[in-house]
Amino acid sequence: MIGYILIIYLVFYFGAAFVLPSYRVWKKTGVNPITFRGADTAHDYIGRLFKIVMLVLTLVIIIYAFAPSFYPYLLPIAWLENRTVQFIGLALLLLSLGWTILAQIQMGNSWRIGIDEQKQTALVRTGLFRYSRNPIFLGMIVTLFGVFLTIPNALTFLILILGYVLIQIQVRLEEEFLTGTHGEEYIEFRKQVRRWL
């Protein structure tokens, strides 16, 4: 049952948090918000690695849902496998979904997947961005943690760690870019608002 819930969640999360906002921005502005182009840069390398991490996460959830006899090979963490931890994980997933969607809406036409060096976007400082400079990335980290608690095993733990590290690197790349693009406005924003919360 939990496996099917996670599959539905994953489809809904990717749709609501990435596909729909990207389509909305493209439709309203004519700009493709997906900025990863496969170039030999740190930015695009991080993008490729994160796609692999998300693919592995999807495969783990599919194995959990449809191939339970294979699941023990993913090295479940037995002491975390209980209903309380699982429900905490599911609660975090729902919380992160709502948080991420709200942040997406508040970004409006400034939404991008990656760094847009072609078209400058407005710096968003309202809504959730008054409390976190990176609410969408924060939502993604909480999502990875929620999946780990829901199906705790060696692979979901590795995905959590790798995802966290990749997001930390991407955030720093974006902050360097935003400082160069928005100058004093972004420097002031960094002084007023924490990176996460």
N, C-alpha and C. Protein backbone atom coordinates (compact mmCIF):
# COMPACT_ATOMS: atom_id res chain seq x y z
N MET A 1 0.82 -1.21 0.00
CA MET A 1 0.00 0.00 0.00
C MET A 1 0.87 1.27 0.00
N ILE A 2 1.87 1.31 0.89
CA ILE A 2 2.75 2.48 0.98
C ILE A 2 3.49 2.68 -0.34
N GLY A 3 3.90 1.60 -0.97
CA GLY A 3 4.60 1.70 -2.25
C GLY A 3 3.77 2.40 -3.30
N TYR A 4 2.48 2.06 -3.39
CA TYR A 4 1.59 2.69 -4.36
C TYR A 4 1.39 4.17 -4.03
N ILE A 5 1.28 4.47 -2.73
CA ILE A 5 1.14 5.87 -2.30
C ILE A 5 2.37 6.67 -2.73
N LEU A 6 3.56 6.07 -2.56
CA LEU A 6 4.80 6.76 -2.94
C LEU A 6 4.89 6.99 -4.44
N ILE A 7 4.44 6.02 -5.22
CA ILE A 7 4.45 6.19 -6.68
C ILE A 7 3.52 7.33 -7.10
N ILE A 8 2.31 7.33 -6.54
CA ILE A 8 1.36 8.41 -6.83
C ILE A 8 1.95 9.75 -6.40
N TYR A 9 2.56 9.76 -5.22
CA TYR A 9 3.17 10.99 -4.70
C TYR A 9 4.26 11.49 -5.65
N LEU A 10 5.13 10.58 -6.08
CA LEU A 10 6.24 10.96 -6.94
C LEU A 10 5.75 11.56 -8.25
N VAL A 11 4.75 10.92 -8.85
CA VAL A 11 4.19 11.44 -10.10
C VAL A 11 3.58 12.82 -9.87
N PHE A 12 2.82 12.95 -8.79
CA PHE A 12 2.18 14.23 -8.49
C PHE A 12 3.22 15.29 -8.16
N TYR A 13 4.25 14.92 -7.39
CA TYR A 13 5.29 15.87 -6.99
C TYR A 13 6.03 16.42 -8.21
N PHE A 14 6.49 15.51 -9.09
CA PHE A 14 7.21 15.97 -10.28
C PHE A 14 6.30 16.80 -11.18
N GLY A 15 5.04 16.38 -11.29
CA GLY A 15 4.11 17.14 -12.11
C GLY A 15 3.83 18.52 -11.56
N ALA A 16 3.50 18.58 -10.26
CA ALA A 16 3.10 19.84 -9.64
C ALA A 16 4.29 20.75 -9.35
N ALA A 17 5.45 20.16 -9.04
CA ALA A 17 6.60 20.97 -8.64
C ALA A 17 7.53 21.34 -9.79
N PHE A 18 7.47 20.60 -10.90
CA PHE A 18 8.41 20.88 -11.98
C PHE A 18 7.73 21.05 -13.35
N VAL A 19 6.88 20.09 -13.72
CA VAL A 19 6.29 20.12 -15.06
C VAL A 19 5.32 21.30 -15.21
N LEU A 20 4.33 21.40 -14.32
CA LEU A 20 3.34 22.47 -14.45
C LEU A 20 3.94 23.87 -14.33
N PRO A 21 4.81 24.13 -13.34
CA PRO A 21 5.40 25.47 -13.28
C PRO A 21 6.23 25.79 -14.53
N SER A 22 6.95 24.79 -15.04
CA SER A 22 7.75 25.03 -16.25
C SER A 22 6.85 25.34 -17.44
N TYR A 23 5.77 24.60 -17.57
CA TYR A 23 4.82 24.85 -18.66
C TYR A 23 4.18 26.23 -18.52
N ARG A 24 3.82 26.57 -17.28
CA ARG A 24 3.18 27.87 -17.03
C ARG A 24 4.11 29.03 -17.42
N VAL A 25 5.39 28.94 -17.02
CA VAL A 25 6.34 30.01 -17.35
C VAL A 25 6.55 30.07 -18.86
N TRP A 26 6.72 28.91 -19.49
CA TRP A 26 6.92 28.89 -20.94
C TRP A 26 5.71 29.50 -21.67
N LYS A 27 4.50 29.15 -21.22
CA LYS A 27 3.29 29.64 -21.87
C LYS A 27 3.14 31.15 -21.70
N LYS A 28 3.48 31.68 -20.51
CA LYS A 28 3.30 33.10 -20.24
C LYS A 28 4.40 33.97 -20.81
N THR A 29 5.63 33.43 -20.88
CA THR A 29 6.76 34.27 -21.27
C THR A 29 7.44 33.84 -22.57
N GLY A 30 7.19 32.60 -23.00
CA GLY A 30 7.88 32.08 -24.17
C GLY A 30 9.30 31.63 -23.86
N VAL A 31 9.69 31.68 -22.57
CA VAL A 31 11.04 31.29 -22.13
C VAL A 31 11.01 29.86 -21.61
N ASN A 32 11.94 29.04 -22.08
CA ASN A 32 12.08 27.69 -21.53
C ASN A 32 12.78 27.79 -20.18
N PRO A 33 12.08 27.46 -19.07
CA PRO A 33 12.69 27.63 -17.75
C PRO A 33 13.71 26.55 -17.40
N ILE A 34 13.83 25.53 -18.22
CA ILE A 34 14.83 24.48 -17.97
C ILE A 34 16.15 24.94 -18.58
N THR A 35 17.12 25.22 -17.73
CA THR A 35 18.36 25.85 -18.20
C THR A 35 19.53 24.88 -18.34
N PHE A 36 19.36 23.62 -17.94
CA PHE A 36 20.43 22.65 -18.10
C PHE A 36 20.52 22.25 -19.57
N ARG A 37 21.69 22.41 -20.17
CA ARG A 37 21.84 22.19 -21.61
C ARG A 37 22.81 21.07 -21.95
N GLY A 38 23.38 20.40 -20.96
CA GLY A 38 24.30 19.30 -21.26
C GLY A 38 25.71 19.76 -21.57
N ALA A 39 26.02 21.02 -21.23
CA ALA A 39 27.37 21.53 -21.49
C ALA A 39 28.35 20.96 -20.45
N ASP A 40 29.62 21.15 -20.69
CA ASP A 40 30.65 20.64 -19.79
C ASP A 40 30.98 21.70 -18.74
N THR A 41 29.96 22.02 -17.92
CA THR A 41 30.12 23.01 -16.85
C THR A 41 29.72 22.37 -15.53
N ALA A 42 30.14 23.00 -14.43
CA ALA A 42 29.75 22.49 -13.10
C ALA A 42 28.22 22.48 -12.97
N HIS A 43 27.58 23.53 -13.47
CA HIS A 43 26.13 23.66 -13.40
C HIS A 43 25.42 22.48 -14.08
N ASP A 44 25.80 22.20 -15.32
CA ASP A 44 25.14 21.12 -16.06
C ASP A 44 25.54 19.74 -15.53
N TYR A 45 26.75 19.62 -15.00
CA TYR A 45 27.18 18.35 -14.39
C TYR A 45 26.32 18.02 -13.18
N ILE A 46 26.06 19.03 -12.35
CA ILE A 46 25.19 18.84 -11.18
C ILE A 46 23.79 18.42 -11.66
N GLY A 47 23.32 19.06 -12.72
CA GLY A 47 22.01 18.70 -13.27
C GLY A 47 21.94 17.26 -13.71
N ARG A 48 22.97 16.78 -14.39
CA ARG A 48 23.00 15.37 -14.83
C ARG A 48 23.02 14.43 -13.64
N LEU A 49 23.84 14.73 -12.64
CA LEU A 49 23.91 13.87 -11.45
C LEU A 49 22.58 13.82 -10.72
N PHE A 50 21.92 14.98 -10.64
CA PHE A 50 20.64 15.01 -9.92
C PHE A 50 19.57 14.20 -10.66
N LYS A 51 19.62 14.21 -11.98
CA LYS A 51 18.69 13.37 -12.76
C LYS A 51 18.91 11.90 -12.44
N ILE A 52 20.17 11.49 -12.33
CA ILE A 52 20.49 10.10 -12.00
C ILE A 52 19.97 9.75 -10.61
N VAL A 53 20.18 10.66 -9.65
CA VAL A 53 19.69 10.43 -8.28
C VAL A 53 18.17 10.26 -8.28
N MET A 54 17.46 11.10 -9.03
CA MET A 54 16.00 11.00 -9.08
C MET A 54 15.54 9.72 -9.79
N LEU A 55 16.28 9.30 -10.79
CA LEU A 55 15.96 8.05 -11.48
C LEU A 55 16.13 6.86 -10.53
N VAL A 56 17.22 6.85 -9.78
CA VAL A 56 17.45 5.76 -8.81
C VAL A 56 16.37 5.77 -7.74
N LEU A 57 15.99 6.95 -7.27
CA LEU A 57 14.91 7.05 -6.28
C LEU A 57 13.62 6.46 -6.82
N THR A 58 13.30 6.77 -8.07
CA THR A 58 12.10 6.23 -8.70
C THR A 58 12.16 4.71 -8.79
N LEU A 59 13.32 4.18 -9.16
CA LEU A 59 13.49 2.72 -9.25
C LEU A 59 13.33 2.05 -7.89
N VAL A 60 13.87 2.67 -6.85
CA VAL A 60 13.73 2.12 -5.49
C VAL A 60 12.26 2.04 -5.10
N ILE A 61 11.51 3.09 -5.38
CA ILE A 61 10.08 3.10 -5.03
C ILE A 61 9.33 2.05 -5.84
N ILE A 62 9.67 1.89 -7.12
CA ILE A 62 9.03 0.86 -7.95
C ILE A 62 9.34 -0.53 -7.41
N ILE A 63 10.59 -0.76 -7.02
CA ILE A 63 10.96 -2.06 -6.43
C ILE A 63 10.17 -2.30 -5.16
N TYR A 64 10.08 -1.27 -4.30
CA TYR A 64 9.34 -1.41 -3.05
C TYR A 64 7.87 -1.76 -3.30
N ALA A 65 7.30 -1.14 -4.33
CA ALA A 65 5.87 -1.35 -4.61
C ALA A 65 5.59 -2.65 -5.34
N PHE A 66 6.42 -2.99 -6.32
CA PHE A 66 6.08 -4.09 -7.23
C PHE A 66 6.98 -5.32 -7.14
N ALA A 67 8.11 -5.20 -6.45
CA ALA A 67 9.01 -6.36 -6.33
C ALA A 67 9.48 -6.53 -4.90
N PRO A 68 8.53 -6.80 -3.98
CA PRO A 68 8.90 -6.89 -2.57
C PRO A 68 9.93 -7.99 -2.27
N SER A 69 9.98 -9.03 -3.10
CA SER A 69 10.96 -10.09 -2.86
C SER A 69 12.39 -9.60 -3.13
N PHE A 70 12.53 -8.57 -3.96
CA PHE A 70 13.85 -8.01 -4.27
C PHE A 70 14.25 -6.93 -3.26
N TYR A 71 13.26 -6.38 -2.54
CA TYR A 71 13.51 -5.26 -1.65
C TYR A 71 14.59 -5.53 -0.59
N PRO A 72 14.69 -6.74 -0.01
CA PRO A 72 15.76 -6.98 0.98
C PRO A 72 17.17 -6.71 0.46
N TYR A 73 17.37 -6.79 -0.86
CA TYR A 73 18.69 -6.50 -1.43
C TYR A 73 19.05 -5.03 -1.35
N LEU A 74 18.07 -4.18 -1.05
CA LEU A 74 18.33 -2.76 -0.88
C LEU A 74 18.77 -2.43 0.55
N LEU A 75 18.93 -3.48 1.36
CA LEU A 75 19.41 -3.38 2.75
C LEU A 75 18.53 -2.47 3.62
N PRO A 76 17.30 -2.93 3.90
CA PRO A 76 16.41 -2.15 4.77
C PRO A 76 17.05 -1.92 6.14
N ILE A 77 16.75 -0.76 6.71
CA ILE A 77 17.25 -0.42 8.05
C ILE A 77 16.15 -0.80 9.04
N ALA A 78 16.28 -1.99 9.60
CA ALA A 78 15.20 -2.62 10.38
C ALA A 78 14.73 -1.77 11.56
N TRP A 79 15.65 -1.13 12.27
CA TRP A 79 15.26 -0.39 13.48
C TRP A 79 14.47 0.87 13.16
N LEU A 80 14.44 1.29 11.89
CA LEU A 80 13.62 2.43 11.50
C LEU A 80 12.29 2.00 10.86
N GLU A 81 12.15 0.71 10.62
CA GLU A 81 10.94 0.23 9.94
C GLU A 81 9.82 0.01 10.94
N ASN A 82 9.10 1.07 11.23
CA ASN A 82 7.89 0.95 12.07
C ASN A 82 6.88 2.00 11.62
N ARG A 83 5.65 1.81 12.02
CA ARG A 83 4.55 2.67 11.55
C ARG A 83 4.74 4.14 11.93
N THR A 84 5.25 4.40 13.15
CA THR A 84 5.42 5.79 13.59
C THR A 84 6.38 6.54 12.68
N VAL A 85 7.54 5.94 12.41
CA VAL A 85 8.54 6.57 11.53
C VAL A 85 7.97 6.73 10.12
N GLN A 86 7.24 5.72 9.68
CA GLN A 86 6.65 5.76 8.34
C GLN A 86 5.64 6.90 8.22
N PHE A 87 4.81 7.07 9.23
CA PHE A 87 3.82 8.15 9.20
C PHE A 87 4.49 9.53 9.29
N ILE A 88 5.58 9.62 10.04
CA ILE A 88 6.34 10.88 10.08
C ILE A 88 6.88 11.18 8.68
N GLY A 89 7.40 10.15 8.02
CA GLY A 89 7.89 10.32 6.65
C GLY A 89 6.81 10.78 5.70
N LEU A 90 5.63 10.16 5.80
CA LEU A 90 4.52 10.56 4.92
C LEU A 90 4.05 11.99 5.21
N ALA A 91 4.04 12.36 6.50
CA ALA A 91 3.66 13.72 6.88
C ALA A 91 4.65 14.73 6.30
N LEU A 92 5.95 14.40 6.36
CA LEU A 92 6.96 15.29 5.79
C LEU A 92 6.80 15.41 4.27
N LEU A 93 6.42 14.32 3.63
CA LEU A 93 6.20 14.36 2.18
C LEU A 93 5.06 15.30 1.83
N LEU A 94 3.97 15.22 2.56
CA LEU A 94 2.83 16.11 2.30
C LEU A 94 3.19 17.56 2.59
N LEU A 95 3.89 17.78 3.70
CA LEU A 95 4.31 19.13 4.06
C LEU A 95 5.23 19.71 2.99
N SER A 96 6.20 18.93 2.54
CA SER A 96 7.15 19.44 1.54
C SER A 96 6.47 19.69 0.20
N LEU A 97 5.48 18.87 -0.13
CA LEU A 97 4.74 19.08 -1.38
C LEU A 97 4.01 20.42 -1.36
N GLY A 98 3.27 20.67 -0.28
CA GLY A 98 2.54 21.94 -0.15
C GLY A 98 3.49 23.13 -0.13
N TRP A 99 4.57 23.00 0.60
CA TRP A 99 5.57 24.06 0.72
C TRP A 99 6.18 24.38 -0.65
N THR A 100 6.55 23.32 -1.39
CA THR A 100 7.20 23.50 -2.69
C THR A 100 6.25 24.14 -3.70
N ILE A 101 5.02 23.66 -3.74
CA ILE A 101 4.03 24.23 -4.68
C ILE A 101 3.79 25.70 -4.37
N LEU A 102 3.66 26.04 -3.08
CA LEU A 102 3.45 27.43 -2.69
C LEU A 102 4.63 28.30 -3.12
N ALA A 103 5.85 27.81 -2.91
CA ALA A 103 7.04 28.57 -3.31
C ALA A 103 7.08 28.73 -4.83
N GLN A 104 6.67 27.68 -5.57
CA GLN A 104 6.63 27.77 -7.03
C GLN A 104 5.68 28.87 -7.48
N ILE A 105 4.51 28.89 -6.88
CA ILE A 105 3.51 29.91 -7.23
C ILE A 105 4.05 31.30 -6.94
N GLN A 106 4.70 31.46 -5.79
CA GLN A 106 5.22 32.76 -5.40
C GLN A 106 6.38 33.22 -6.28
N MET A 107 7.10 32.28 -6.89
CA MET A 107 8.18 32.66 -7.81
C MET A 107 7.65 33.24 -9.12
N GLY A 108 6.45 32.83 -9.50
CA GLY A 108 5.85 33.35 -10.73
C GLY A 108 6.73 33.11 -11.94
N ASN A 109 6.94 34.16 -12.73
CA ASN A 109 7.72 34.04 -13.96
C ASN A 109 9.23 33.95 -13.72
N SER A 110 9.65 34.09 -12.47
CA SER A 110 11.08 33.95 -12.15
C SER A 110 11.49 32.49 -12.00
N TRP A 111 10.54 31.58 -12.05
CA TRP A 111 10.84 30.16 -11.88
C TRP A 111 11.79 29.66 -12.97
N ARG A 112 12.86 29.01 -12.53
CA ARG A 112 13.80 28.38 -13.44
C ARG A 112 14.28 27.06 -12.81
N ILE A 113 14.61 26.12 -13.68
CA ILE A 113 15.30 24.91 -13.22
C ILE A 113 16.76 25.11 -13.61
N GLY A 114 17.55 25.55 -12.65
CA GLY A 114 18.95 25.86 -12.92
C GLY A 114 19.16 27.36 -13.07
N ILE A 115 20.30 27.71 -13.64
CA ILE A 115 20.72 29.11 -13.76
C ILE A 115 20.46 29.61 -15.18
N ASP A 116 19.65 30.66 -15.28
CA ASP A 116 19.33 31.24 -16.59
C ASP A 116 20.28 32.41 -16.87
N GLU A 117 21.28 32.16 -17.69
CA GLU A 117 22.26 33.20 -18.03
C GLU A 117 21.79 34.05 -19.21
N GLN A 118 20.69 33.66 -19.85
CA GLN A 118 20.21 34.37 -21.03
C GLN A 118 19.25 35.50 -20.68
N LYS A 119 18.39 35.27 -19.70
CA LYS A 119 17.34 36.25 -19.39
C LYS A 119 17.29 36.49 -17.88
N GLN A 120 17.49 37.72 -17.48
CA GLN A 120 17.47 38.05 -16.05
C GLN A 120 16.05 38.00 -15.52
N THR A 121 15.90 37.40 -14.36
CA THR A 121 14.59 37.31 -13.72
C THR A 121 14.56 38.23 -12.50
N ALA A 122 13.36 38.56 -12.07
CA ALA A 122 13.20 39.40 -10.88
C ALA A 122 13.59 38.60 -9.64
N LEU A 123 14.14 39.28 -8.65
CA LEU A 123 14.49 38.65 -7.39
C LEU A 123 13.24 38.60 -6.51
N VAL A 124 12.81 37.39 -6.16
CA VAL A 124 11.60 37.22 -5.35
C VAL A 124 11.98 37.28 -3.87
N ARG A 125 11.31 38.17 -3.15
CA ARG A 125 11.62 38.35 -1.72
C ARG A 125 10.37 38.30 -0.85
N THR A 126 9.25 37.88 -1.43
CA THR A 126 7.99 37.87 -0.69
C THR A 126 7.56 36.43 -0.41
N GLY A 127 6.49 36.28 0.36
CA GLY A 127 5.96 34.95 0.67
C GLY A 127 6.97 34.13 1.46
N LEU A 128 7.16 32.89 1.06
CA LEU A 128 8.10 32.00 1.75
C LEU A 128 9.53 32.50 1.64
N PHE A 129 9.80 33.31 0.62
CA PHE A 129 11.15 33.83 0.42
C PHE A 129 11.53 34.88 1.46
N ARG A 130 10.58 35.29 2.30
CA ARG A 130 10.91 36.15 3.44
C ARG A 130 11.58 35.36 4.55
N TYR A 131 11.40 34.03 4.52
CA TYR A 131 11.91 33.17 5.59
C TYR A 131 13.04 32.25 5.12
N SER A 132 13.10 32.00 3.83
CA SER A 132 14.12 31.11 3.27
C SER A 132 14.53 31.64 1.89
N ARG A 133 15.84 31.71 1.65
CA ARG A 133 16.28 32.15 0.33
C ARG A 133 16.06 31.05 -0.71
N ASN A 134 15.92 29.82 -0.25
CA ASN A 134 15.81 28.67 -1.15
C ASN A 134 14.68 27.72 -0.73
N PRO A 135 13.45 28.20 -0.68
CA PRO A 135 12.37 27.33 -0.17
C PRO A 135 12.10 26.10 -1.03
N ILE A 136 12.33 26.21 -2.34
CA ILE A 136 12.07 25.04 -3.20
C ILE A 136 13.12 23.97 -2.95
N PHE A 137 14.38 24.37 -2.87
CA PHE A 137 15.43 23.40 -2.55
C PHE A 137 15.21 22.80 -1.15
N LEU A 138 14.76 23.62 -0.22
CA LEU A 138 14.45 23.12 1.12
C LEU A 138 13.35 22.07 1.05
N GLY A 139 12.32 22.34 0.24
CA GLY A 139 11.25 21.37 0.05
C GLY A 139 11.77 20.07 -0.54
N MET A 140 12.71 20.16 -1.46
CA MET A 140 13.28 18.96 -2.08
C MET A 140 14.06 18.13 -1.06
N ILE A 141 14.81 18.80 -0.20
CA ILE A 141 15.56 18.09 0.84
C ILE A 141 14.60 17.37 1.79
N VAL A 142 13.54 18.06 2.19
CA VAL A 142 12.55 17.45 3.09
C VAL A 142 11.87 16.27 2.39
N THR A 143 11.63 16.38 1.09
CA THR A 143 11.05 15.27 0.33
C THR A 143 11.96 14.04 0.38
N LEU A 144 13.25 14.24 0.13
CA LEU A 144 14.19 13.11 0.17
C LEU A 144 14.24 12.49 1.56
N PHE A 145 14.20 13.34 2.60
CA PHE A 145 14.20 12.83 3.97
C PHE A 145 12.91 12.07 4.27
N GLY A 146 11.79 12.59 3.76
CA GLY A 146 10.50 11.91 3.96
C GLY A 146 10.46 10.54 3.30
N VAL A 147 11.02 10.44 2.09
CA VAL A 147 11.08 9.13 1.41
C VAL A 147 11.96 8.18 2.22
N PHE A 148 13.09 8.67 2.71
CA PHE A 148 13.98 7.82 3.50
C PHE A 148 13.26 7.28 4.74
N LEU A 149 12.52 8.13 5.45
CA LEU A 149 11.81 7.66 6.65
C LEU A 149 10.68 6.70 6.30
N THR A 150 10.07 6.90 5.14
CA THR A 150 8.94 6.05 4.74
C THR A 150 9.43 4.66 4.34
N ILE A 151 10.51 4.60 3.58
CA ILE A 151 11.12 3.30 3.22
C ILE A 151 12.63 3.37 3.51
N PRO A 152 12.99 3.22 4.79
CA PRO A 152 14.39 3.36 5.17
C PRO A 152 15.24 2.16 4.73
N ASN A 153 16.17 2.44 3.84
CA ASN A 153 17.12 1.39 3.42
C ASN A 153 18.41 2.07 3.00
N ALA A 154 19.42 1.27 2.69
CA ALA A 154 20.74 1.83 2.37
C ALA A 154 20.68 2.74 1.16
N LEU A 155 19.86 2.39 0.18
CA LEU A 155 19.81 3.19 -1.05
C LEU A 155 19.08 4.51 -0.86
N THR A 156 17.96 4.51 -0.11
CA THR A 156 17.28 5.79 0.13
C THR A 156 18.13 6.70 1.02
N PHE A 157 18.93 6.09 1.90
CA PHE A 157 19.85 6.88 2.71
C PHE A 157 20.93 7.51 1.83
N LEU A 158 21.48 6.72 0.92
CA LEU A 158 22.49 7.23 -0.02
C LEU A 158 21.91 8.33 -0.90
N ILE A 159 20.68 8.13 -1.36
CA ILE A 159 20.00 9.13 -2.19
C ILE A 159 19.82 10.43 -1.40
N LEU A 160 19.44 10.31 -0.13
CA LEU A 160 19.28 11.48 0.74
C LEU A 160 20.60 12.25 0.85
N ILE A 161 21.68 11.54 1.12
CA ILE A 161 22.99 12.19 1.28
C ILE A 161 23.45 12.83 -0.03
N LEU A 162 23.39 12.06 -1.14
CA LEU A 162 23.82 12.60 -2.43
C LEU A 162 22.95 13.78 -2.86
N GLY A 163 21.64 13.64 -2.70
CA GLY A 163 20.73 14.73 -3.05
C GLY A 163 21.03 15.98 -2.25
N TYR A 164 21.27 15.80 -0.96
CA TYR A 164 21.58 16.93 -0.08
C TYR A 164 22.86 17.64 -0.53
N VAL A 165 23.91 16.86 -0.82
CA VAL A 165 25.18 17.44 -1.26
C VAL A 165 25.03 18.17 -2.59
N LEU A 166 24.33 17.55 -3.55
CA LEU A 166 24.13 18.18 -4.86
C LEU A 166 23.33 19.48 -4.74
N ILE A 167 22.31 19.47 -3.89
CA ILE A 167 21.51 20.68 -3.69
C ILE A 167 22.36 21.77 -3.04
N GLN A 168 23.20 21.40 -2.06
CA GLN A 168 24.08 22.39 -1.43
C GLN A 168 25.01 23.04 -2.45
N ILE A 169 25.56 22.23 -3.36
CA ILE A 169 26.45 22.77 -4.40
C ILE A 169 25.67 23.68 -5.35
N GLN A 170 24.50 23.21 -5.80
CA GLN A 170 23.68 23.99 -6.73
C GLN A 170 23.27 25.33 -6.12
N VAL A 171 22.90 25.31 -4.85
CA VAL A 171 22.50 26.55 -4.17
C VAL A 171 23.65 27.55 -4.18
N ARG A 172 24.85 27.08 -3.94
CA ARG A 172 26.00 27.98 -3.92
C ARG A 172 26.31 28.52 -5.32
N LEU A 173 26.14 27.69 -6.33
CA LEU A 173 26.31 28.18 -7.70
C LEU A 173 25.28 29.26 -8.02
N GLU A 174 24.05 29.02 -7.61
CA GLU A 174 22.98 29.98 -7.89
C GLU A 174 23.18 31.27 -7.11
N GLU A 175 23.62 31.15 -5.85
CA GLU A 175 23.83 32.35 -5.04
C GLU A 175 24.95 33.21 -5.61
N GLU A 176 26.01 32.56 -6.10
CA GLU A 176 27.10 33.31 -6.74
C GLU A 176 26.58 34.03 -7.98
N PHE A 177 25.75 33.33 -8.77
CA PHE A 177 25.18 33.94 -9.98
C PHE A 177 24.26 35.10 -9.62
N LEU A 178 23.40 34.91 -8.63
CA LEU A 178 22.46 35.96 -8.23
C LEU A 178 23.18 37.18 -7.66
N THR A 179 24.27 36.94 -6.96
CA THR A 179 25.05 38.07 -6.45
C THR A 179 25.61 38.88 -7.61
N GLY A 180 26.12 38.20 -8.62
CA GLY A 180 26.63 38.89 -9.79
C GLY A 180 25.55 39.59 -10.59
N THR A 181 24.35 39.00 -10.61
CA THR A 181 23.25 39.56 -11.41
C THR A 181 22.55 40.72 -10.70
N HIS A 182 22.23 40.52 -9.41
CA HIS A 182 21.43 41.52 -8.69
C HIS A 182 22.26 42.41 -7.77
N GLY A 183 23.53 42.11 -7.62
CA GLY A 183 24.43 42.96 -6.85
C GLY A 183 23.99 43.22 -5.42
N GLU A 184 23.93 44.50 -5.05
CA GLU A 184 23.63 44.89 -3.68
C GLU A 184 22.28 44.40 -3.20
N GLU A 185 21.31 44.32 -4.11
CA GLU A 185 19.97 43.85 -3.71
C GLU A 185 20.05 42.43 -3.17
N TYR A 186 20.80 41.57 -3.86
CA TYR A 186 20.91 40.18 -3.38
C TYR A 186 21.80 40.09 -2.16
N ILE A 187 22.84 40.90 -2.07
CA ILE A 187 23.71 40.90 -0.88
C ILE A 187 22.89 41.28 0.35
N GLU A 188 22.01 42.27 0.19
CA GLU A 188 21.13 42.68 1.30
C GLU A 188 20.15 41.56 1.64
N PHE A 189 19.62 40.91 0.62
CA PHE A 189 18.71 39.78 0.82
C PHE A 189 19.40 38.69 1.61
N ARG A 190 20.66 38.39 1.29
CA ARG A 190 21.42 37.35 2.01
C ARG A 190 21.61 37.72 3.48
N LYS A 191 21.76 39.01 3.75
CA LYS A 191 21.93 39.45 5.14
C LYS A 191 20.63 39.31 5.94
N GLN A 192 19.51 39.50 5.26
CA GLN A 192 18.22 39.53 5.95
C GLN A 192 17.58 38.15 6.08
N VAL A 193 17.84 37.25 5.13
CA VAL A 193 17.12 35.96 5.09
C VAL A 193 18.15 34.82 5.07
N ARG A 194 17.89 33.80 5.89
CA ARG A 194 18.78 32.64 5.95
C ARG A 194 18.71 31.82 4.68
N ARG A 195 19.75 31.03 4.45
CA ARG A 195 19.77 30.18 3.27
C ARG A 195 18.63 29.17 3.30
N TRP A 196 18.36 28.58 4.45
CA TRP A 196 17.30 27.56 4.55
C TRP A 196 16.12 28.07 5.34
N LEU A 197 16.29 28.26 6.64
CA LEU A 197 15.19 28.77 7.48
C LEU A 197 15.78 29.60 8.62
